[in-house]
C-alpha atoms as a PDB file:
ATOM      1  CA  MET A   1       0.000   0.000   0.000  1.00  0.00           C
ATOM      2  CA  LEU A   2       1.148   3.528  -0.817  1.00  0.00           C
ATOM      3  CA  TYR A   3      -0.234   6.501   1.118  1.00  0.00           C
ATOM      4  CA  TYR A   4      -0.154   9.947  -0.485  1.00  0.00           C
ATOM      5  CA  TYR A   5      -0.434  12.857   1.951  1.00  0.00           C
ATOM      6  CA  ALA A   6      -1.479  16.185   0.379  1.00  0.00           C
ATOM      7  CA  HIS A   7      -1.623  19.217   2.683  1.00  0.00           C
ATOM      8  CA  THR A   8      -5.001  20.921   2.232  1.00  0.00           C
ATOM      9  CA  GLY A   9      -7.284  23.382   3.974  1.00  0.00           C
ATOM     10  CA  HIS A  10      -9.348  26.574   3.892  1.00  0.00           C
ATOM     11  CA  LYS A  11      -6.175  28.697   3.975  1.00  0.00           C
ATOM     12  CA  VAL A  12      -4.094  26.771   1.410  1.00  0.00           C
ATOM     13  CA  GLY A  13      -6.555  25.346  -1.104  1.00  0.00           C
ATOM     14  CA  LEU A  14      -6.446  22.125  -3.107  1.00  0.00           C
ATOM     15  CA  ASP A  15      -3.566  22.444  -5.566  1.00  0.00           C
ATOM     16  CA  ARG A  16      -1.749  19.544  -3.933  1.00  0.00           C
ATOM     17  CA  VAL A  17      -4.832  17.323  -4.215  1.00  0.00           C
ATOM     18  CA  LYS A  18      -4.992  17.999  -7.943  1.00  0.00           C
ATOM     19  CA  LYS A  19      -1.364  16.897  -8.311  1.00  0.00           C
ATOM     20  CA  ALA A  20      -2.039  13.878  -6.109  1.00  0.00           C
ATOM     21  CA  ALA A  21      -5.012  12.799  -8.206  1.00  0.00           C
ATOM     22  CA  ALA A  22      -2.951  12.820 -11.392  1.00  0.00           C
ATOM     23  CA  ILE A  23      -0.196  10.725  -9.805  1.00  0.00           C
ATOM     24  CA  ILE A  24      -2.449   8.295  -7.947  1.00  0.00           C
ATOM     25  CA  LYS A  25      -4.426   7.467 -11.088  1.00  0.00           C
ATOM     26  CA  GLU A  26      -1.194   6.642 -12.926  1.00  0.00           C
ATOM     27  CA  LEU A  27       0.161   4.542 -10.056  1.00  0.00           C
ATOM     28  CA  GLU A  28      -3.069   2.591  -9.724  1.00  0.00           C
ATOM     29  CA  ALA A  29      -3.083   1.950 -13.474  1.00  0.00           C
ATOM     30  CA  SER A  30       0.351   0.376 -12.925  1.00  0.00           C
ATOM     31  CA  GLY A  31      -0.975  -1.899 -10.178  1.00  0.00           C
ATOM     32  CA  VAL A  32       0.009   0.100  -7.067  1.00  0.00           C
ATOM     33  CA  GLU A  33      -2.690   0.277  -4.403  1.00  0.00           C
ATOM     34  CA  CYS A  34      -2.921   3.889  -3.182  1.00  0.00           C
ATOM     35  CA  ARG A  35      -4.817   5.858  -0.564  1.00  0.00           C
ATOM     36  CA  LEU A  36      -5.046   9.659  -0.416  1.00  0.00           C
ATOM     37  CA  LEU A  37      -4.582  11.425   2.933  1.00  0.00           C
ATOM     38  CA  VAL A  38      -5.976  14.965   3.340  1.00  0.00           C
ATOM     39  CA  ASN A  39      -6.586  17.414   6.183  1.00  0.00           C
ATOM     40  CA  ASP A  40     -10.334  17.888   5.959  1.00  0.00           C
ATOM     41  CA  PHE A  41     -13.515  16.265   4.728  1.00  0.00           C
ATOM     42  CA  ARG A  42     -14.138  18.880   2.043  1.00  0.00           C
ATOM     43  CA  ALA A  43     -10.813  18.095   0.384  1.00  0.00           C
ATOM     44  CA  GLY A  44     -11.848  14.453   0.220  1.00  0.00           C
ATOM     45  CA  LEU A  45     -15.110  15.396  -1.472  1.00  0.00           C
ATOM     46  CA  ALA A  46     -13.295  17.573  -3.994  1.00  0.00           C
ATOM     47  CA  ALA A  47     -10.873  14.737  -4.758  1.00  0.00           C
ATOM     48  CA  ARG A  48     -13.824  12.752  -6.089  1.00  0.00           C
ATOM     49  CA  ASP A  49     -14.291  15.396  -8.776  1.00  0.00           C
ATOM     50  CA  TYR A  50     -10.680  14.767  -9.819  1.00  0.00           C
ATOM     51  CA  GLY A  51     -11.141  10.996 -10.026  1.00  0.00           C
ATOM     52  CA  ILE A  52     -10.124   9.830  -6.526  1.00  0.00           C
ATOM     53  CA  ASN A  53     -13.098   8.188  -4.825  1.00  0.00           C
ATOM     54  CA  ASP A  54     -11.554   7.258  -1.502  1.00  0.00           C
ATOM     55  CA  SER A  55      -9.518   9.294   0.992  1.00  0.00           C
ATOM     56  CA  ILE A  56      -8.735   9.476   4.697  1.00  0.00           C
ATOM     57  CA  THR A  57      -8.722  12.640   6.811  1.00  0.00           C
ATOM     58  CA  ILE A  58      -5.848  13.224   9.233  1.00  0.00           C
ATOM     59  CA  GLU A  59      -4.890  16.357  11.164  1.00  0.00           C
ATOM     60  CA  THR A  60      -1.267  17.000  10.168  1.00  0.00           C
ATOM     61  CA  VAL A  61       1.808  15.465   8.538  1.00  0.00           C
ATOM     62  CA  GLN A  62       2.704  14.094  11.979  1.00  0.00           C
ATOM     63  CA  ASP A  63      -0.294  11.731  11.878  1.00  0.00           C
ATOM     64  CA  ILE A  64       0.656   9.739   8.787  1.00  0.00           C
ATOM     65  CA  ASP A  65       1.903   6.850  10.893  1.00  0.00           C
ATOM     66  CA  ALA A  66      -1.484   6.598  12.574  1.00  0.00           C
ATOM     67  CA  ILE A  67      -2.720   5.239   9.231  1.00  0.00           C
ATOM     68  CA  ALA A  68       0.287   3.886   7.345  1.00  0.00           C
ATOM     69  CA  GLN A  69       1.929   0.724   8.622  1.00  0.00           C
ATOM     70  CA  ILE A  70       5.513  -0.517   8.689  1.00  0.00           C
ATOM     71  CA  GLY A  71       6.446  -1.662   5.197  1.00  0.00           C
ATOM     72  CA  ASN A  72       4.062   0.712   3.391  1.00  0.00           C
ATOM     73  CA  SER A  73       5.306   3.522   1.146  1.00  0.00           C
ATOM     74  CA  VAL A  74       4.480   7.202   1.616  1.00  0.00           C
ATOM     75  CA  ILE A  75       4.428  10.329  -0.561  1.00  0.00           C
ATOM     76  CA  ILE A  76       4.385  13.677   1.259  1.00  0.00           C
ATOM     77  CA  ASP A  77       3.459  16.979  -0.377  1.00  0.00           C
ATOM     78  CA  SER A  78       3.399  19.507   2.445  1.00  0.00           C
ATOM     79  CA  PRO A  79       5.259  22.582   3.748  1.00  0.00           C
ATOM     80  CA  GLU A  80       4.449  21.661   7.359  1.00  0.00           C
ATOM     81  CA  ASP A  81       7.080  21.165  10.037  1.00  0.00           C
ATOM     82  CA  ASP A  82       7.147  17.418  10.692  1.00  0.00           C
ATOM     83  CA  HIS A  83       8.854  17.912  14.103  1.00  0.00           C
ATOM     84  CA  GLY A  84      11.239  15.023  13.479  1.00  0.00           C
ATOM     85  CA  ARG A  85       8.597  12.615  12.186  1.00  0.00           C
ATOM     86  CA  LEU A  86      10.157  12.387   8.714  1.00  0.00           C
ATOM     87  CA  GLN A  87      13.213  10.574  10.044  1.00  0.00           C
ATOM     88  CA  LYS A  88      10.943   8.059  11.781  1.00  0.00           C
ATOM     89  CA  TYR A  89       8.971   7.558   8.571  1.00  0.00           C
ATOM     90  CA  VAL A  90      12.123   6.845   6.576  1.00  0.00           C
ATOM     91  CA  GLN A  91      13.172   4.252   9.142  1.00  0.00           C
ATOM     92  CA  GLU A  92       9.800   2.491   9.262  1.00  0.00           C
ATOM     93  CA  PHE A  93       8.349   2.688   5.756  1.00  0.00           C
ATOM     94  CA  LYS A  94       9.499   0.885   2.630  1.00  0.00           C
ATOM     95  CA  ALA A  95       9.977   4.121   0.683  1.00  0.00           C
ATOM     96  CA  VAL A  96       9.304   7.757   1.556  1.00  0.00           C
ATOM     97  CA  PHE A  97       8.960  10.413  -1.144  1.00  0.00           C
ATOM     98  CA  LYS A  98       8.748  14.139  -0.479  1.00  0.00           C
ATOM     99  CA  PHE A  99       7.850  16.901  -2.918  1.00  0.00           C
ATOM    100  CA  THR A 100      10.164  19.890  -2.769  1.00  0.00           C
ATOM    101  CA  GLN A 101       8.561  23.163  -1.717  1.00  0.00           C
ATOM    102  CA  ASP A 102      11.398  25.224  -3.226  1.00  0.00           C
ATOM    103  CA  SER A 103      14.728  24.664  -4.982  1.00  0.00           C
ATOM    104  CA  ALA A 104      16.628  24.659  -1.669  1.00  0.00           C
ATOM    105  CA  ASP A 105      14.921  21.469  -0.431  1.00  0.00           C
ATOM    106  CA  VAL A 106      17.194  18.428  -0.180  1.00  0.00           C
ATOM    107  CA  SER A 107      16.957  14.931   1.269  1.00  0.00           C
ATOM    108  CA  HIS A 108      17.866  14.835   4.965  1.00  0.00           C
ATOM    109  CA  PHE A 109      17.198  11.279   6.074  1.00  0.00           C
ATOM    110  CA  GLY A 110      17.197   9.246   2.881  1.00  0.00           C
ATOM    111  CA  GLU A 111      13.754  10.241   1.656  1.00  0.00           C
ATOM    112  CA  PHE A 112      13.426  10.413  -2.126  1.00  0.00           C
ATOM    113  CA  ILE A 113      12.945  13.947  -3.440  1.00  0.00           C
ATOM    114  CA  LEU A 114      10.258  14.664  -6.051  1.00  0.00           C
ATOM    115  CA  HIS A 115      10.011  17.915  -7.963  1.00  0.00           C
ATOM    116  CA  GLY A 116       8.484  19.299 -11.115  1.00  0.00           C
ATOM    117  CA  SER A 117       5.096  20.195 -12.538  1.00  0.00           C
ATOM    118  CA  VAL A 118       2.382  17.525 -12.565  1.00  0.00           C
ATOM    119  CA  ILE A 119      -0.638  17.799 -14.860  1.00  0.00           C
ATOM    120  CA  ASP A 120      -3.490  15.308 -15.171  1.00  0.00           C
ATOM    121  CA  ARG A 121      -3.653  13.658 -18.592  1.00  0.00           C
ATOM    122  CA  GLU A 122      -7.289  14.717 -18.943  1.00  0.00           C
ATOM    123  CA  TYR A 123      -6.171  18.310 -19.507  1.00  0.00           C
ATOM    124  CA  GLU A 124      -3.722  17.330 -22.217  1.00  0.00           C
ATOM    125  CA  ALA A 125      -6.504  15.331 -23.890  1.00  0.00           C
ATOM    126  CA  ALA A 126      -8.592  18.518 -24.112  1.00  0.00           C
ATOM    127  CA  LYS A 127      -6.006  20.384 -26.160  1.00  0.00           C
ATOM    128  CA  GLY A 128      -7.202  21.064 -29.697  1.00  0.00           C
ATOM    129  CA  LYS A 129     -10.871  20.639 -28.829  1.00  0.00           C
ATOM    130  CA  THR A 130     -13.357  23.468 -29.400  1.00  0.00           C
ATOM    131  CA  LYS A 131     -13.486  25.931 -26.499  1.00  0.00           C
ATOM    132  CA  GLU A 132     -16.365  27.955 -25.108  1.00  0.00           C
ATOM    133  CA  GLN A 133     -15.706  31.650 -25.651  1.00  0.00           C
ATOM    134  CA  ARG A 134     -15.464  32.974 -22.110  1.00  0.00           C
ATOM    135  CA  ARG A 135     -12.993  34.804 -19.914  1.00  0.00           C
ATOM    136  CA  LEU A 136     -12.800  32.778 -16.722  1.00  0.00           C
ATOM    137  CA  PHE A 137     -11.076  33.829 -13.514  1.00  0.00           C
ATOM    138  CA  PHE A 138     -10.048  31.355 -10.827  1.00  0.00           C
ATOM    139  CA  LEU A 139      -8.147  32.695  -7.834  1.00  0.00           C
ATOM    140  CA  ASN A 140      -7.619  29.496  -5.868  1.00  0.00           C
ATOM    141  CA  ASP A 141      -9.826  27.086  -3.941  1.00  0.00           C
ATOM    142  CA  ALA A 142      -9.358  29.253  -0.855  1.00  0.00           C
ATOM    143  CA  ASP A 143      -9.736  32.998  -0.318  1.00  0.00           C
ATOM    144  CA  TYR A 144      -9.612  33.242   3.467  1.00  0.00           C
ATOM    145  CA  GLU A 145      -8.347  36.833   3.293  1.00  0.00           C
ATOM    146  CA  LYS A 146     -11.000  37.886   0.738  1.00  0.00           C
ATOM    147  CA  VAL A 147      -8.357  38.871  -1.780  1.00  0.00           C
ATOM    148  CA  ILE A 148     -10.861  39.074  -4.632  1.00  0.00           C
ATOM    149  CA  LEU A 149     -13.003  41.659  -2.849  1.00  0.00           C
ATOM    150  CA  GLY A 150      -9.863  43.534  -1.883  1.00  0.00           C
ATOM    151  CA  ASN A 151      -9.082  43.849  -5.599  1.00  0.00           C
ATOM    152  CA  ALA A 152     -12.645  44.476  -6.748  1.00  0.00           C
ATOM    153  CA  SER A 153     -11.598  47.256  -9.135  1.00  0.00           C
ATOM    154  CA  LEU A 154      -9.774  44.688 -11.266  1.00  0.00           C
ATOM    155  CA  PHE A 155     -12.985  42.843 -12.053  1.00  0.00           C
ATOM    156  CA  GLU A 156     -15.738  45.464 -12.252  1.00  0.00           C
ATOM    157  CA  GLU A 157     -17.328  45.814 -15.682  1.00  0.00           C
ATOM    158  CA  LYS A 158     -14.879  43.352 -17.234  1.00  0.00           C
ATOM    159  CA  GLU A 159     -17.466  40.732 -18.333  1.00  0.00           C
ATOM    160  CA  THR A 160     -15.471  38.083 -16.496  1.00  0.00           C
ATOM    161  CA  GLU A 161     -16.875  34.797 -15.183  1.00  0.00           C
ATOM    162  CA  LEU A 162     -15.705  33.453 -11.819  1.00  0.00           C
ATOM    163  CA  LEU A 163     -15.014  29.843 -10.916  1.00  0.00           C
ATOM    164  CA  LEU A 164     -15.657  29.604  -7.183  1.00  0.00           C
ATOM    165  CA  GLY A 165     -13.288  27.815  -4.829  1.00  0.00           C
ATOM    166  CA  ASN A 166     -14.306  24.844  -2.706  1.00  0.00           C
ATOM    167  CA  TYR A 167     -13.613  26.780   0.494  1.00  0.00           C
ATOM    168  CA  PHE A 168     -15.596  29.921  -0.367  1.00  0.00           C
ATOM    169  CA  PHE A 169     -18.363  30.809   2.095  1.00  0.00           C
ATOM    170  CA  VAL A 170     -21.957  31.369   0.950  1.00  0.00           C
ATOM    171  CA  LYS A 171     -22.104  34.997   2.101  1.00  0.00           C
ATOM    172  CA  TYR A 172     -18.811  35.653   0.333  1.00  0.00           C
ATOM    173  CA  GLU A 173     -20.272  34.209  -2.856  1.00  0.00           C
ATOM    174  CA  ASP A 174     -23.151  36.694  -2.567  1.00  0.00           C
ATOM    175  CA  ASP A 175     -20.639  39.559  -2.496  1.00  0.00           C
ATOM    176  CA  LEU A 176     -18.733  38.154  -5.455  1.00  0.00           C
ATOM    177  CA  ALA A 177     -21.909  37.857  -7.530  1.00  0.00           C
ATOM    178  CA  LYS A 178     -21.931  41.673  -7.712  1.00  0.00           C
ATOM    179  CA  LEU A 179     -18.527  41.690  -9.454  1.00  0.00           C
ATOM    180  CA  PHE A 180     -18.757  38.904 -12.005  1.00  0.00           C
ATOM    181  CA  LYS A 181     -20.950  38.123 -14.985  1.00  0.00           C
ATOM    182  CA  ILE A 182     -21.470  34.485 -13.950  1.00  0.00           C
ATOM    183  CA  LEU A 183     -20.451  32.405 -10.925  1.00  0.00           C
ATOM    184  CA  HIS A 184     -19.553  28.768 -11.602  1.00  0.00           C
ATOM    185  CA  GLU A 185     -19.659  26.083  -8.917  1.00  0.00           C
ATOM    186  CA  PRO A 186     -16.427  24.362  -7.775  1.00  0.00           C
ATOM    187  CA  GLU A 187     -17.718  21.004  -9.036  1.00  0.00           C
ATOM    188  CA  GLU A 188     -17.373  22.348 -12.587  1.00  0.00           C
ATOM    189  CA  TYR A 189     -13.615  22.859 -12.197  1.00  0.00           C
ATOM    190  CA  MET A 190     -12.251  20.180 -14.533  1.00  0.00           C
ATOM    191  CA  GLU A 191     -14.845  20.804 -17.230  1.00  0.00           C
ATOM    192  CA  LEU A 192     -14.343  24.581 -17.222  1.00  0.00           C
ATOM    193  CA  ILE A 193     -10.561  24.437 -17.234  1.00  0.00           C
ATOM    194  CA  GLN A 194     -10.694  22.077 -20.198  1.00  0.00           C
ATOM    195  CA  ASN A 195     -13.242  23.939 -22.312  1.00  0.00           C
ATOM    196  CA  SER A 196     -12.779  27.673 -21.602  1.00  0.00           C
ATOM    197  CA  SER A 197     -11.046  29.797 -24.242  1.00  0.00           C
ATOM    198  CA  GLN A 198      -9.354  32.271 -21.870  1.00  0.00           C
ATOM    199  CA  ILE A 199      -8.352  31.631 -18.264  1.00  0.00           C
ATOM    200  CA  ILE A 200      -6.847  34.045 -15.765  1.00  0.00           C
ATOM    201  CA  THR A 201      -5.735  32.586 -12.462  1.00  0.00           C
ATOM    202  CA  SER A 202      -3.635  33.114  -9.351  1.00  0.00           C
ATOM    203  CA  SER A 203      -3.086  29.370  -8.911  1.00  0.00           C
ATOM    204  CA  ILE A 204       0.127  27.838 -10.238  1.00  0.00           C
ATOM    205  CA  GLN A 205      -1.525  24.432 -10.660  1.00  0.00           C
ATOM    206  CA  THR A 206      -4.536  25.835 -12.507  1.00  0.00           C
ATOM    207  CA  ALA A 207      -2.318  27.883 -14.821  1.00  0.00           C
ATOM    208  CA  LEU A 208      -0.459  24.719 -15.841  1.00  0.00           C
ATOM    209  CA  GLU A 209      -3.653  22.694 -16.285  1.00  0.00           C
ATOM    210  CA  ALA A 210      -5.297  25.436 -18.356  1.00  0.00           C
ATOM    211  CA  LYS A 211      -2.200  25.780 -20.532  1.00  0.00           C
ATOM    212  CA  ALA A 212      -2.107  22.027 -21.107  1.00  0.00           C
ATOM    213  CA  SER A 213      -5.785  22.173 -22.111  1.00  0.00           C
ATOM    214  CA  GLY A 214      -5.033  24.692 -24.848  1.00  0.00           C
ATOM    215  CA  ALA A 215      -6.582  27.814 -23.302  1.00  0.00           C
ATOM    216  CA  VAL A 216      -5.126  31.314 -23.573  1.00  0.00           C
ATOM    217  CA  VAL A 217      -3.726  31.600 -20.052  1.00  0.00           C
ATOM    218  CA  SER A 218      -2.376  34.441 -17.945  1.00  0.00           C
ATOM    219  CA  PHE A 219      -1.281  34.565 -14.319  1.00  0.00           C
ATOM    220  CA  LEU A 220      -2.489  37.361 -12.050  1.00  0.00           C
ATOM    221  CA  ASN A 221      -0.283  37.212  -8.973  1.00  0.00           C
ATOM    222  CA  LEU A 222      -2.652  38.185  -6.169  1.00  0.00           C
ATOM    223  CA  LEU A 223      -1.377  35.624  -3.637  1.00  0.00           C
ATOM    224  CA  ASN A 224       2.290  36.612  -3.364  1.00  0.00           C
ATOM    225  CA  THR A 225       3.522  33.622  -5.324  1.00  0.00           C
ATOM    226  CA  PRO A 226       7.320  33.250  -4.979  1.00  0.00           C
ATOM    227  CA  ASN A 227       9.456  34.525  -7.855  1.00  0.00           C
ATOM    228  CA  GLU A 228      10.844  31.045  -8.488  1.00  0.00           C
ATOM    229  CA  GLN A 229       7.378  29.683  -9.295  1.00  0.00           C
ATOM    230  CA  CYS A 230       6.494  32.726 -11.393  1.00  0.00           C
ATOM    231  CA  GLU A 231       9.642  32.188 -13.432  1.00  0.00           C
ATOM    232  CA  MET A 232       8.599  28.563 -13.951  1.00  0.00           C
ATOM    233  CA  LEU A 233       5.290  29.755 -15.424  1.00  0.00           C
ATOM    234  CA  ILE A 234       7.059  32.149 -17.769  1.00  0.00           C
ATOM    235  CA  SER A 235       9.349  29.336 -18.916  1.00  0.00           C
ATOM    236  CA  ASN A 236       6.182  27.378 -19.760  1.00  0.00           C
ATOM    237  CA  GLY A 237       4.835  30.185 -21.916  1.00  0.00           C
ATOM    238  CA  ILE A 238       2.389  31.592 -19.345  1.00  0.00           C
ATOM    239  CA  PRO A 239       2.617  35.396 -19.080  1.00  0.00           C
ATOM    240  CA  LEU A 240       2.261  37.324 -15.825  1.00  0.00           C
ATOM    241  CA  ILE A 241      -0.161  40.236 -15.841  1.00  0.00           C
ATOM    242  CA  GLN A 242      -0.924  43.030 -13.367  1.00  0.00           C
ATOM    243  CA  HIS A 243      -4.326  44.098 -14.679  1.00  0.00           C
ATOM    244  CA  MET A 244      -7.220  42.208 -16.258  1.00  0.00           C
ATOM    245  CA  GLU A 245      -7.038  44.352 -19.366  1.00  0.00           C
ATOM    246  CA  ASP A 246      -3.360  43.586 -20.003  1.00  0.00           C
ATOM    247  CA  SER A 247      -3.071  42.193 -23.502  1.00  0.00           C
ATOM    248  CA  VAL A 248      -2.183  38.529 -23.864  1.00  0.00           C
ATOM    249  CA  PRO A 249      -1.429  37.055 -27.304  1.00  0.00           C
ATOM    250  CA  GLU A 250      -4.256  34.791 -28.413  1.00  0.00           C
ATOM    251  CA  GLN A 251      -1.729  32.498 -30.049  1.00  0.00           C
ATOM    252  CA  GLN A 252       0.577  31.589 -27.186  1.00  0.00           C
ATOM    253  CA  ALA A 253       3.563  29.306 -27.300  1.00  0.00           C
ATOM    254  CA  SER A 254       2.228  25.783 -26.924  1.00  0.00           C
ATOM    255  CA  TYR A 255       5.098  24.224 -24.992  1.00  0.00           C
ATOM    256  CA  ILE A 256       4.575  23.079 -21.420  1.00  0.00           C
ATOM    257  CA  VAL A 257       6.573  20.700 -19.266  1.00  0.00           C
ATOM    258  CA  ASN A 258       4.592  17.892 -17.638  1.00  0.00           C
ATOM    259  CA  GLN A 259       6.805  15.737 -15.443  1.00  0.00           C
ATOM    260  CA  LEU A 260       4.036  13.278 -14.563  1.00  0.00           C
ATOM    261  CA  ASP A 261       5.643  10.370 -16.429  1.00  0.00           C
ATOM    262  CA  SER A 262       9.115  10.788 -14.954  1.00  0.00           C
ATOM    263  CA  ILE A 263       7.792  11.233 -11.410  1.00  0.00           C
ATOM    264  CA  VAL A 264       5.557   8.168 -11.650  1.00  0.00           C
ATOM    265  CA  GLN A 265       8.370   6.052 -13.087  1.00  0.00           C
ATOM    266  CA  ASN A 266      10.663   7.221 -10.287  1.00  0.00           C
ATOM    267  CA  ILE A 267       8.098   6.126  -7.691  1.00  0.00           C
ATOM    268  CA  LEU A 268       7.426   2.788  -9.375  1.00  0.00           C
ATOM    269  CA  GLN A 269      11.135   1.905  -9.389  1.00  0.00           C
ATOM    270  CA  LYS A 270      11.287   2.374  -5.612  1.00  0.00           C
ATOM    271  CA  VAL A 271       8.031   0.704  -4.543  1.00  0.00           C
ATOM    272  CA  ASN A 272       8.014  -2.352  -6.827  1.00  0.00           C
END
């Protein structure tokens, strides 16, 4: 059994679950039994929309060994402080993989380091298909600080549609309805990212998925995304903008790096 822990929550969103879903589906297709670990029930529900029907809720990265057993393998995608637990995991589990959070991350106890962009194959399959003509904005699955309302002037009278996040509150949605032409429910995420002609986002993961789907994509950095990640987007042909009206070429460079295959093969070599 392989357990995949993806740090989630109403302050951090679901980007790591989207990566996890892409990897788990590939591992299971190769015969590896997997189980997703998340931090809250809502993340587990959202994972179903991405193709993962079963998950377990735990509190923090320190609780992985309450579920995983000696001899299992573990993937960790989390910026949390493990308070020394990682060393214990490496000693007890067959293989431990950890996604880097920045370029400075290295292996400390013999855990295997994973890094690179991961995009579900379903988005790549949507490239070249006819798109609905819409300008869609997706901030992130979480907006605890109400960043969108704090930047309301960017969206007023722009004929933009909003894809809501899974962690948005009902009253907040009522306020957002005054700014956007249409509000789309979080359950529509995969469909909208695959079939929208233009997508503006503040989520690194969504920008990559939209680009892979063939949309005209731009990144509006409202969440203080580190420069290193912004540079990665630029290298994948995704421009950074400061205002909604900033011009973005309709014919963008089509290249994008999806390291799903290499990451999955790396994991398979260690767990088989």
